């Protein structure tokens, strides 16, 4: 199984990089600005992380779990896969060193 966490900015109104592309946000980014809004597990299919990230993007935009209370997965959200964090960029994902 692959453990995942969906992380979203706690205070989007007062965060200077909410919904911004990584190139613009990278100098301001702070993982402490985020809270875990959902966590779960995916079946490990032996695929690269990008496969699971795109799968989660689809789930959390089209077919939210009933108990999910965050906003649709969007630019500036972070997804953690088995302890590795990825920033949702305008096109794809940026692996974070945090």
N, C-alpha and C. Protein backbone atom coordinates (compact mmCIF):
# COMPACT_ATOMS: atom_id res chain seq x y z
N UNK A 1 0.84 -1.20 0.00
CA UNK A 1 0.00 0.00 0.00
C UNK A 1 0.88 1.25 0.00
N UNK A 2 0.36 2.29 -0.61
CA UNK A 2 1.02 3.59 -0.62
C UNK A 2 0.20 4.51 0.27
N UNK A 3 0.84 5.07 1.28
CA UNK A 3 0.19 6.02 2.18
C UNK A 3 0.29 7.41 1.57
N UNK A 4 -0.82 8.15 1.62
CA UNK A 4 -0.80 9.51 1.11
C UNK A 4 -1.47 10.47 2.08
N UNK A 5 -1.06 11.73 1.97
CA UNK A 5 -1.68 12.82 2.72
C UNK A 5 -1.90 13.98 1.75
N UNK A 6 -3.09 14.57 1.83
CA UNK A 6 -3.40 15.78 1.08
C UNK A 6 -3.18 16.94 2.04
N UNK A 7 -2.34 17.88 1.65
CA UNK A 7 -2.03 19.03 2.49
C UNK A 7 -2.43 20.31 1.75
N UNK A 8 -3.12 21.18 2.49
CA UNK A 8 -3.55 22.45 1.90
C UNK A 8 -3.17 23.58 2.85
N UNK A 9 -2.98 24.75 2.25
CA UNK A 9 -2.57 25.93 3.03
C UNK A 9 -3.65 26.25 4.05
N UNK A 10 -3.22 26.45 5.30
CA UNK A 10 -4.15 26.70 6.41
C UNK A 10 -4.90 28.02 6.25
N UNK A 11 -4.20 29.07 5.84
CA UNK A 11 -4.80 30.40 5.77
C UNK A 11 -4.53 30.98 4.38
N UNK A 12 -5.35 30.58 3.41
CA UNK A 12 -5.08 30.96 2.02
C UNK A 12 -5.18 32.47 1.78
N UNK A 13 -5.96 33.16 2.59
CA UNK A 13 -6.10 34.61 2.41
C UNK A 13 -4.83 35.37 2.78
N UNK A 14 -4.08 34.84 3.73
CA UNK A 14 -2.90 35.54 4.22
C UNK A 14 -1.59 34.88 3.83
N UNK A 15 -1.65 33.94 2.94
CA UNK A 15 -0.45 33.26 2.46
C UNK A 15 -0.10 33.85 1.10
N UNK A 16 1.11 34.31 0.95
CA UNK A 16 1.52 35.02 -0.25
C UNK A 16 1.69 34.18 -1.50
N UNK A 17 1.47 32.88 -1.40
CA UNK A 17 1.64 32.04 -2.59
C UNK A 17 0.50 31.06 -2.80
N UNK A 18 -0.65 31.32 -2.21
CA UNK A 18 -1.82 30.46 -2.41
C UNK A 18 -2.17 30.39 -3.89
N UNK A 19 -2.34 29.18 -4.40
CA UNK A 19 -2.74 28.94 -5.78
C UNK A 19 -1.74 29.50 -6.81
N UNK A 20 -0.46 29.58 -6.42
CA UNK A 20 0.57 30.09 -7.32
C UNK A 20 1.46 28.96 -7.84
N UNK A 21 1.98 29.15 -9.05
CA UNK A 21 2.90 28.20 -9.65
C UNK A 21 4.18 28.12 -8.83
N UNK A 22 4.86 27.00 -8.91
CA UNK A 22 6.07 26.77 -8.12
C UNK A 22 7.15 27.82 -8.38
N UNK A 23 7.37 28.20 -9.64
CA UNK A 23 8.41 29.19 -9.93
C UNK A 23 8.19 30.49 -9.17
N UNK A 24 6.95 30.85 -8.94
CA UNK A 24 6.64 32.06 -8.21
C UNK A 24 6.64 31.80 -6.70
N UNK A 25 6.24 30.62 -6.29
CA UNK A 25 6.06 30.31 -4.87
C UNK A 25 7.32 29.82 -4.18
N UNK A 26 8.29 29.30 -4.90
CA UNK A 26 9.41 28.57 -4.29
C UNK A 26 10.20 29.38 -3.27
N UNK A 27 10.33 30.68 -3.46
CA UNK A 27 11.10 31.48 -2.50
C UNK A 27 10.30 31.81 -1.25
N UNK A 28 8.99 31.61 -1.29
CA UNK A 28 8.12 31.90 -0.15
C UNK A 28 7.64 30.64 0.56
N UNK A 29 7.76 29.50 -0.11
CA UNK A 29 7.19 28.24 0.36
C UNK A 29 7.67 27.87 1.77
N UNK A 30 6.70 27.43 2.59
CA UNK A 30 7.00 26.94 3.93
C UNK A 30 6.01 25.82 4.25
N UNK A 31 6.50 24.62 4.45
CA UNK A 31 5.62 23.48 4.73
C UNK A 31 4.79 23.71 5.99
N UNK A 32 5.25 24.57 6.88
CA UNK A 32 4.49 24.87 8.10
C UNK A 32 3.20 25.64 7.82
N UNK A 33 3.07 26.18 6.61
CA UNK A 33 1.83 26.86 6.21
C UNK A 33 0.70 25.88 5.91
N UNK A 34 1.00 24.59 5.91
CA UNK A 34 0.06 23.56 5.47
C UNK A 34 -0.50 22.73 6.62
N UNK A 35 -1.70 22.23 6.40
CA UNK A 35 -2.33 21.28 7.31
C UNK A 35 -2.77 20.07 6.49
N UNK A 36 -2.72 18.91 7.10
CA UNK A 36 -3.21 17.70 6.46
C UNK A 36 -4.74 17.75 6.51
N UNK A 37 -5.36 17.68 5.32
CA UNK A 37 -6.82 17.73 5.26
C UNK A 37 -7.43 16.37 4.97
N UNK A 38 -6.58 15.43 4.54
CA UNK A 38 -7.07 14.09 4.28
C UNK A 38 -5.89 13.14 4.16
N UNK A 39 -6.09 11.90 4.56
CA UNK A 39 -5.06 10.89 4.36
C UNK A 39 -5.70 9.55 4.10
N UNK A 40 -4.96 8.73 3.40
CA UNK A 40 -5.49 7.42 3.04
C UNK A 40 -4.41 6.54 2.44
N UNK A 41 -4.86 5.49 1.76
CA UNK A 41 -3.95 4.53 1.15
C UNK A 41 -4.42 4.22 -0.27
N UNK A 42 -3.46 3.96 -1.13
CA UNK A 42 -3.72 3.49 -2.48
C UNK A 42 -3.03 2.15 -2.65
N UNK A 43 -3.61 1.31 -3.48
CA UNK A 43 -2.97 0.03 -3.82
C UNK A 43 -1.67 0.32 -4.56
N UNK A 44 -0.59 -0.32 -4.14
CA UNK A 44 0.71 -0.16 -4.80
C UNK A 44 0.70 -1.00 -6.07
N UNK A 45 0.76 -0.32 -7.22
CA UNK A 45 0.74 -1.00 -8.51
C UNK A 45 2.13 -1.05 -9.14
N UNK A 46 3.16 -0.65 -8.37
CA UNK A 46 4.52 -0.68 -8.89
C UNK A 46 4.81 0.38 -9.93
N UNK A 47 4.08 1.47 -9.90
CA UNK A 47 4.22 2.55 -10.89
C UNK A 47 5.01 3.70 -10.27
N UNK A 48 5.48 4.64 -11.10
CA UNK A 48 6.18 5.82 -10.57
C UNK A 48 5.23 6.73 -9.80
N UNK A 49 5.80 7.58 -8.94
CA UNK A 49 4.99 8.47 -8.12
C UNK A 49 4.05 9.34 -8.95
N UNK A 50 4.47 9.77 -10.12
CA UNK A 50 3.60 10.63 -10.94
C UNK A 50 2.28 9.94 -11.27
N UNK A 51 2.29 8.64 -11.41
CA UNK A 51 1.06 7.89 -11.68
C UNK A 51 0.08 8.08 -10.51
N UNK A 52 0.56 7.91 -9.29
CA UNK A 52 -0.30 8.02 -8.10
C UNK A 52 -0.73 9.47 -7.87
N UNK A 53 0.16 10.41 -8.15
CA UNK A 53 -0.19 11.83 -8.00
C UNK A 53 -1.32 12.20 -8.95
N UNK A 54 -1.24 11.77 -10.19
CA UNK A 54 -2.31 12.06 -11.14
C UNK A 54 -3.60 11.34 -10.77
N UNK A 55 -3.48 10.14 -10.26
CA UNK A 55 -4.66 9.40 -9.80
C UNK A 55 -5.34 10.15 -8.65
N UNK A 56 -4.54 10.64 -7.70
CA UNK A 56 -5.10 11.41 -6.58
C UNK A 56 -5.69 12.73 -7.06
N UNK A 57 -5.04 13.37 -8.04
CA UNK A 57 -5.57 14.61 -8.58
C UNK A 57 -6.97 14.38 -9.15
N UNK A 58 -7.14 13.30 -9.86
CA UNK A 58 -8.45 12.97 -10.41
C UNK A 58 -9.46 12.68 -9.31
N UNK A 59 -9.07 11.88 -8.34
CA UNK A 59 -9.98 11.54 -7.23
C UNK A 59 -10.44 12.78 -6.50
N UNK A 60 -9.49 13.68 -6.19
CA UNK A 60 -9.83 14.84 -5.37
C UNK A 60 -10.30 16.04 -6.18
N UNK A 61 -10.59 15.82 -7.45
CA UNK A 61 -11.24 16.83 -8.28
C UNK A 61 -12.56 16.35 -8.85
N UNK A 62 -12.67 15.07 -9.11
CA UNK A 62 -13.86 14.54 -9.78
C UNK A 62 -14.73 13.70 -8.85
N UNK A 63 -14.10 12.92 -8.01
CA UNK A 63 -14.83 11.93 -7.22
C UNK A 63 -14.37 11.94 -5.76
N UNK A 64 -14.57 13.09 -5.09
CA UNK A 64 -14.13 13.23 -3.70
C UNK A 64 -14.70 12.12 -2.82
N UNK A 65 -13.89 11.61 -1.88
CA UNK A 65 -14.47 10.73 -0.86
C UNK A 65 -15.54 11.52 -0.07
N UNK A 66 -16.53 10.82 0.41
CA UNK A 66 -17.64 11.49 1.12
C UNK A 66 -17.19 12.29 2.33
N UNK A 67 -16.14 11.83 2.99
CA UNK A 67 -15.69 12.51 4.21
C UNK A 67 -14.60 13.55 3.96
N UNK A 68 -14.33 13.87 2.73
CA UNK A 68 -13.32 14.88 2.38
C UNK A 68 -13.90 16.28 2.55
N UNK A 69 -13.19 17.15 3.26
CA UNK A 69 -13.69 18.50 3.53
C UNK A 69 -12.80 19.59 2.95
N UNK A 70 -11.74 19.24 2.25
CA UNK A 70 -10.87 20.24 1.64
C UNK A 70 -11.44 20.72 0.31
N UNK A 71 -10.74 21.67 -0.31
CA UNK A 71 -11.16 22.11 -1.65
C UNK A 71 -10.59 21.14 -2.69
N UNK A 72 -11.08 21.23 -3.91
CA UNK A 72 -10.56 20.38 -4.97
C UNK A 72 -9.05 20.58 -5.07
N UNK A 73 -8.35 19.51 -5.33
CA UNK A 73 -6.89 19.57 -5.41
C UNK A 73 -6.49 20.57 -6.47
N UNK A 74 -5.57 21.47 -6.12
CA UNK A 74 -5.26 22.59 -6.99
C UNK A 74 -3.79 22.97 -6.86
N UNK A 75 -3.38 23.91 -7.72
CA UNK A 75 -2.03 24.47 -7.66
C UNK A 75 -1.77 25.01 -6.26
N UNK A 76 -0.60 24.70 -5.74
CA UNK A 76 -0.06 25.06 -4.42
C UNK A 76 -0.43 24.05 -3.34
N UNK A 77 -1.28 23.08 -3.63
CA UNK A 77 -1.52 22.02 -2.66
C UNK A 77 -0.32 21.07 -2.68
N UNK A 78 -0.15 20.34 -1.60
CA UNK A 78 0.94 19.39 -1.47
C UNK A 78 0.36 18.01 -1.24
N UNK A 79 0.91 17.02 -1.93
CA UNK A 79 0.54 15.63 -1.71
C UNK A 79 1.79 14.91 -1.23
N UNK A 80 1.64 14.21 -0.14
CA UNK A 80 2.73 13.40 0.41
C UNK A 80 2.46 11.94 0.07
N UNK A 81 3.45 11.30 -0.55
CA UNK A 81 3.37 9.87 -0.86
C UNK A 81 4.48 9.16 -0.09
N UNK A 82 4.10 8.32 0.86
CA UNK A 82 5.08 7.58 1.67
C UNK A 82 6.21 8.47 2.15
N UNK A 83 5.87 9.65 2.68
CA UNK A 83 6.84 10.55 3.29
C UNK A 83 7.52 11.52 2.35
N UNK A 84 7.24 11.45 1.05
CA UNK A 84 7.84 12.37 0.08
C UNK A 84 6.76 13.36 -0.35
N UNK A 85 7.09 14.67 -0.25
CA UNK A 85 6.13 15.73 -0.57
C UNK A 85 6.29 16.22 -2.00
N UNK A 86 5.13 16.48 -2.64
CA UNK A 86 5.08 17.00 -4.00
C UNK A 86 4.16 18.21 -4.04
N UNK A 87 4.65 19.27 -4.66
CA UNK A 87 3.88 20.50 -4.84
C UNK A 87 3.11 20.39 -6.15
N UNK A 88 1.82 20.68 -6.12
CA UNK A 88 1.00 20.67 -7.33
C UNK A 88 1.27 21.97 -8.09
N UNK A 89 1.91 21.82 -9.25
CA UNK A 89 2.27 22.97 -10.07
C UNK A 89 1.23 23.16 -11.18
N UNK A 90 1.42 24.16 -12.01
CA UNK A 90 0.45 24.43 -13.07
C UNK A 90 0.36 23.29 -14.07
N UNK A 91 1.46 22.59 -14.29
CA UNK A 91 1.49 21.42 -15.16
C UNK A 91 2.38 20.39 -14.50
N UNK A 92 1.81 19.52 -13.71
CA UNK A 92 2.58 18.47 -13.09
C UNK A 92 2.90 18.72 -11.63
N UNK A 93 3.98 18.12 -11.19
CA UNK A 93 4.33 18.08 -9.77
C UNK A 93 5.80 18.40 -9.58
N UNK A 94 6.11 19.05 -8.46
CA UNK A 94 7.50 19.35 -8.11
C UNK A 94 7.80 18.61 -6.82
N UNK A 95 8.83 17.77 -6.85
CA UNK A 95 9.26 17.06 -5.65
C UNK A 95 9.94 18.04 -4.71
N UNK A 96 9.51 18.04 -3.46
CA UNK A 96 10.03 19.00 -2.48
C UNK A 96 11.09 18.36 -1.60
N UNK A 97 12.03 19.16 -1.22
CA UNK A 97 13.08 18.74 -0.28
C UNK A 97 12.79 19.40 1.07
N UNK A 98 11.82 18.85 1.80
CA UNK A 98 11.47 19.40 3.12
C UNK A 98 11.57 18.33 4.18
